[in-house]
N, C-alpha and C. Protein backbone atom coordinates (compact mmCIF):
# COMPACT_ATOMS: atom_id res chain seq x y z
N MET A 1 11.21 -70.63 -5.71
CA MET A 1 12.19 -71.38 -6.37
C MET A 1 13.55 -69.84 -6.32
N PRO A 2 14.26 -70.09 -6.03
CA PRO A 2 14.82 -68.87 -6.65
C PRO A 2 16.12 -69.24 -7.63
N TYR A 3 15.74 -68.02 -8.66
CA TYR A 3 16.16 -67.64 -10.11
C TYR A 3 17.87 -67.33 -10.49
N PHE A 4 18.20 -67.85 -10.52
CA PHE A 4 19.49 -67.72 -11.12
C PHE A 4 20.60 -67.21 -12.57
N CYS A 5 21.05 -66.13 -12.72
CA CYS A 5 21.48 -66.39 -13.65
C CYS A 5 22.88 -66.19 -14.31
N PHE A 6 23.47 -67.21 -14.94
CA PHE A 6 25.17 -67.09 -14.91
C PHE A 6 25.60 -67.09 -15.94
N PHE A 7 26.23 -65.43 -16.44
CA PHE A 7 26.27 -64.69 -18.18
C PHE A 7 27.66 -64.40 -17.48
N LYS A 8 28.73 -63.98 -18.09
CA LYS A 8 30.34 -64.05 -17.72
C LYS A 8 30.38 -62.34 -18.33
N ILE A 9 30.60 -61.40 -17.52
CA ILE A 9 30.38 -59.60 -18.16
C ILE A 9 31.97 -59.43 -17.71
N ASN A 10 32.45 -58.34 -19.23
CA ASN A 10 33.90 -58.37 -19.27
C ASN A 10 33.41 -57.39 -19.21
N LEU A 11 33.76 -56.68 -18.59
CA LEU A 11 33.48 -54.43 -17.32
C LEU A 11 34.26 -54.24 -18.51
N ASN A 12 36.02 -54.42 -18.96
CA ASN A 12 36.74 -53.66 -19.83
C ASN A 12 36.09 -53.70 -21.10
N LYS A 13 35.33 -54.16 -21.48
CA LYS A 13 35.00 -55.13 -23.01
C LYS A 13 33.34 -54.40 -23.41
N LEU A 14 32.33 -53.91 -22.56
CA LEU A 14 31.42 -53.15 -22.67
C LEU A 14 31.51 -51.81 -24.00
N SER A 15 30.82 -51.67 -24.84
CA SER A 15 30.62 -51.41 -26.06
C SER A 15 30.23 -49.40 -25.38
N HIS A 16 30.20 -48.17 -25.51
CA HIS A 16 30.41 -47.25 -25.67
C HIS A 16 29.50 -46.28 -26.64
N THR A 17 29.73 -44.68 -26.61
CA THR A 17 29.94 -43.89 -27.52
C THR A 17 31.11 -43.35 -27.48
N LEU A 18 31.89 -43.05 -28.53
CA LEU A 18 33.17 -42.08 -28.57
C LEU A 18 33.24 -41.12 -27.96
N ASP A 19 31.81 -40.43 -27.32
CA ASP A 19 31.97 -39.04 -27.12
C ASP A 19 32.38 -39.38 -24.60
N THR A 20 32.10 -41.17 -24.69
CA THR A 20 32.60 -40.79 -23.44
C THR A 20 33.97 -41.04 -23.84
N LEU A 21 34.72 -41.49 -24.46
CA LEU A 21 36.60 -41.65 -24.33
C LEU A 21 36.64 -40.61 -23.52
N LYS A 22 37.90 -39.97 -22.41
CA LYS A 22 38.69 -39.67 -22.40
C LYS A 22 40.05 -39.54 -22.66
N ARG A 23 40.07 -38.48 -22.60
CA ARG A 23 41.49 -37.36 -23.01
C ARG A 23 42.89 -38.88 -22.43
N GLY A 24 43.83 -39.21 -24.03
CA GLY A 24 44.22 -39.95 -24.02
C GLY A 24 44.09 -41.27 -24.12
N GLU A 25 42.74 -41.75 -24.26
CA GLU A 25 41.50 -43.82 -24.10
C GLU A 25 41.84 -43.44 -25.70
N ARG A 26 42.47 -44.81 -25.84
CA ARG A 26 42.28 -45.44 -26.49
C ARG A 26 40.89 -46.60 -27.25
N ALA A 27 40.58 -46.37 -27.80
CA ALA A 27 38.91 -47.65 -28.72
C ALA A 27 38.82 -47.89 -30.05
N ILE A 28 38.92 -49.36 -30.34
CA ILE A 28 38.84 -49.31 -31.29
C ILE A 28 36.57 -49.28 -31.75
N ILE A 29 37.19 -48.90 -32.95
CA ILE A 29 35.11 -48.22 -33.62
C ILE A 29 34.63 -49.64 -33.41
N ILE A 30 33.90 -50.20 -33.16
CA ILE A 30 32.47 -51.16 -33.33
C ILE A 30 31.86 -50.82 -34.65
N ASP A 31 30.62 -49.47 -34.54
CA ASP A 31 29.97 -50.10 -35.08
C ASP A 31 29.99 -47.98 -35.61
N VAL A 32 28.98 -47.92 -36.49
CA VAL A 32 28.28 -46.25 -36.62
C VAL A 32 26.58 -46.19 -36.71
N SER A 33 26.02 -46.54 -35.83
CA SER A 33 24.93 -46.10 -35.04
C SER A 33 23.84 -45.10 -36.15
N SER A 34 24.45 -44.53 -37.41
CA SER A 34 24.05 -43.92 -37.73
C SER A 34 23.56 -43.06 -39.53
N HIS A 35 22.50 -43.06 -39.96
CA HIS A 35 23.05 -42.36 -41.24
C HIS A 35 23.79 -40.97 -41.27
N LEU A 36 23.59 -41.17 -40.00
CA LEU A 36 23.09 -39.43 -40.69
C LEU A 36 24.90 -38.95 -40.19
N ILE A 37 25.98 -39.77 -40.01
CA ILE A 37 27.29 -39.56 -39.91
C ILE A 37 28.20 -39.09 -41.58
N PRO A 38 28.20 -38.11 -42.19
CA PRO A 38 28.91 -37.21 -43.16
C PRO A 38 30.04 -38.61 -43.97
N LEU A 39 29.78 -38.72 -45.18
CA LEU A 39 30.11 -39.55 -45.57
C LEU A 39 31.99 -39.46 -45.59
N LYS A 40 32.29 -37.98 -45.84
CA LYS A 40 33.04 -37.33 -45.90
C LYS A 40 34.34 -38.61 -44.59
N LEU A 41 33.33 -38.30 -43.15
CA LEU A 41 34.52 -38.96 -41.99
C LEU A 41 34.57 -40.59 -42.18
N LEU A 42 33.29 -41.01 -43.01
CA LEU A 42 33.59 -43.04 -42.83
C LEU A 42 35.21 -42.69 -44.30
N GLU A 43 35.16 -41.79 -44.91
CA GLU A 43 36.15 -41.37 -45.84
C GLU A 43 37.43 -41.39 -45.88
N MET A 44 37.46 -41.11 -44.10
CA MET A 44 38.35 -40.46 -43.07
C MET A 44 39.83 -41.12 -42.17
N GLY A 45 38.36 -42.46 -42.61
CA GLY A 45 39.10 -43.31 -41.40
C GLY A 45 37.93 -44.35 -40.06
N CYS A 46 37.19 -43.09 -40.37
CA CYS A 46 35.85 -43.92 -39.40
C CYS A 46 34.99 -44.80 -39.74
N LEU A 47 36.03 -45.72 -39.64
CA LEU A 47 35.47 -47.04 -40.33
C LEU A 47 34.60 -47.95 -39.18
N PRO A 48 34.64 -49.28 -38.62
CA PRO A 48 34.45 -49.99 -38.44
C PRO A 48 35.88 -50.80 -37.71
N GLY A 49 36.55 -51.27 -37.44
CA GLY A 49 37.92 -51.99 -36.65
C GLY A 49 39.27 -50.93 -36.65
N ASN A 50 38.67 -49.61 -36.88
CA ASN A 50 40.07 -48.78 -36.76
C ASN A 50 40.31 -48.06 -35.34
N SER A 51 41.12 -47.76 -34.42
CA SER A 51 41.73 -47.67 -33.61
C SER A 51 41.68 -46.15 -33.83
N VAL A 52 40.57 -45.42 -32.35
CA VAL A 52 41.09 -44.06 -32.32
C VAL A 52 41.41 -43.28 -30.77
N GLU A 53 42.25 -43.14 -30.66
CA GLU A 53 42.49 -42.14 -29.79
C GLU A 53 41.19 -40.67 -29.86
N LEU A 54 41.74 -40.22 -28.23
CA LEU A 54 41.23 -38.57 -28.01
C LEU A 54 42.23 -38.03 -27.75
N VAL A 55 42.50 -37.11 -28.60
CA VAL A 55 43.51 -36.21 -28.29
C VAL A 55 43.63 -34.94 -27.84
N GLN A 56 42.85 -33.83 -27.78
CA GLN A 56 42.16 -32.97 -27.02
C GLN A 56 40.35 -32.74 -27.38
N VAL A 57 40.02 -31.92 -26.44
CA VAL A 57 38.58 -31.59 -26.10
C VAL A 57 38.98 -30.22 -25.78
N ALA A 58 37.81 -29.52 -26.91
CA ALA A 58 37.64 -27.92 -26.79
C ALA A 58 36.83 -27.21 -26.11
N PRO A 59 36.87 -26.04 -25.67
CA PRO A 59 36.42 -25.99 -24.61
C PRO A 59 34.74 -26.35 -24.87
N PHE A 60 34.26 -25.97 -23.64
CA PHE A 60 32.60 -27.31 -23.96
C PHE A 60 32.21 -28.14 -24.01
N SER A 61 33.23 -28.61 -24.11
CA SER A 61 33.98 -30.34 -24.37
C SER A 61 32.73 -29.94 -26.11
N ASP A 62 33.26 -29.46 -27.17
CA ASP A 62 32.54 -29.49 -28.01
C ASP A 62 33.94 -28.69 -29.47
N PRO A 63 34.31 -29.48 -30.15
CA PRO A 63 34.49 -30.79 -30.94
C PRO A 63 35.27 -31.40 -29.95
N LEU A 64 35.12 -32.61 -30.94
CA LEU A 64 36.56 -33.49 -30.23
C LEU A 64 37.30 -33.75 -31.23
N TYR A 65 38.28 -33.32 -30.78
CA TYR A 65 39.75 -33.16 -31.81
C TYR A 65 40.61 -35.18 -31.46
N LEU A 66 40.23 -35.47 -32.25
CA LEU A 66 40.81 -37.69 -32.31
C LEU A 66 42.54 -37.91 -33.90
N ASN A 67 42.85 -39.18 -33.21
CA ASN A 67 43.38 -39.81 -34.03
C ASN A 67 43.11 -41.37 -34.25
N ILE A 68 42.48 -41.17 -36.07
CA ILE A 68 42.09 -42.42 -36.22
C ILE A 68 42.56 -42.85 -37.35
N ASN A 69 43.91 -43.78 -36.76
CA ASN A 69 44.39 -43.96 -37.45
C ASN A 69 45.46 -43.96 -38.34
N GLY A 70 46.17 -42.65 -37.10
CA GLY A 70 47.03 -41.69 -38.18
C GLY A 70 46.40 -40.83 -38.50
N SER A 71 45.21 -40.27 -39.12
CA SER A 71 44.41 -38.99 -39.40
C SER A 71 43.83 -38.14 -38.14
N HIS A 72 44.10 -36.80 -38.37
CA HIS A 72 43.70 -36.26 -37.14
C HIS A 72 42.07 -35.92 -37.99
N LEU A 73 41.53 -35.77 -36.68
CA LEU A 73 39.95 -35.55 -36.88
C LEU A 73 39.98 -34.49 -36.03
N ALA A 74 38.55 -33.99 -36.39
CA ALA A 74 37.88 -33.02 -35.11
C ALA A 74 36.56 -33.06 -35.22
N ILE A 75 35.66 -33.67 -34.39
CA ILE A 75 34.14 -34.38 -34.39
C ILE A 75 33.18 -33.56 -33.40
N ARG A 76 32.70 -33.17 -33.42
CA ARG A 76 31.02 -32.75 -33.03
C ARG A 76 31.18 -33.67 -32.59
N LYS A 77 30.25 -33.16 -31.24
CA LYS A 77 29.56 -34.13 -30.24
C LYS A 77 28.70 -34.98 -30.47
N GLU A 78 27.64 -34.30 -30.71
CA GLU A 78 26.21 -34.96 -32.00
C GLU A 78 26.56 -36.45 -32.85
N THR A 79 27.96 -35.74 -33.56
CA THR A 79 28.27 -36.58 -34.52
C THR A 79 28.97 -37.81 -33.61
N ALA A 80 29.70 -37.86 -32.53
CA ALA A 80 31.09 -38.63 -31.75
C ALA A 80 29.31 -39.94 -31.21
N ILE A 81 28.42 -39.51 -30.48
CA ILE A 81 27.73 -40.34 -29.97
C ILE A 81 26.55 -41.20 -30.91
N HIS A 82 27.21 -41.28 -31.80
CA HIS A 82 27.02 -42.36 -33.31
C HIS A 82 27.34 -43.18 -33.59
N ILE A 83 28.70 -43.48 -32.73
CA ILE A 83 29.93 -44.20 -33.23
C ILE A 83 30.05 -45.15 -31.85
N ILE A 84 29.91 -46.40 -32.01
CA ILE A 84 29.95 -47.49 -30.89
C ILE A 84 31.77 -47.91 -31.24
N ILE A 85 31.80 -47.84 -29.65
CA ILE A 85 33.00 -48.43 -29.71
C ILE A 85 34.05 -49.60 -28.28
N GLU A 86 34.20 -49.90 -28.89
CA GLU A 86 35.03 -51.09 -27.79
C GLU A 86 36.47 -50.21 -27.11
N LYS A 87 36.31 -50.00 -25.72
CA LYS A 87 37.73 -49.35 -25.10
C LYS A 87 38.27 -50.12 -24.97
N GLU A 88 40.09 -49.75 -24.81
CA GLU A 88 40.73 -50.80 -25.43
C GLU A 88 41.68 -51.36 -23.62
N VAL A 89 41.91 -51.60 -23.13
CA VAL A 89 42.62 -51.60 -21.52
C VAL A 89 43.77 -51.13 -21.45
């Protein structure tokens, strides 16, 4: 007997981590998946629901220069992999 699975996937709305953004792309922060995220970063706006844009990537892809709700931040790639985002279309 064949097995069918019916579900809808919106490929434009799949969640990713912050380190997967390309220069100029925007996203919404969905979650912070680690307690290792510095408190200072959270205080500066890196919170679920806030918009984020990748402005620039330094040589060797580390750090990432971000615009988070108007605040410009540079964060390390090892920190960015713990921030879950949803890319904007």
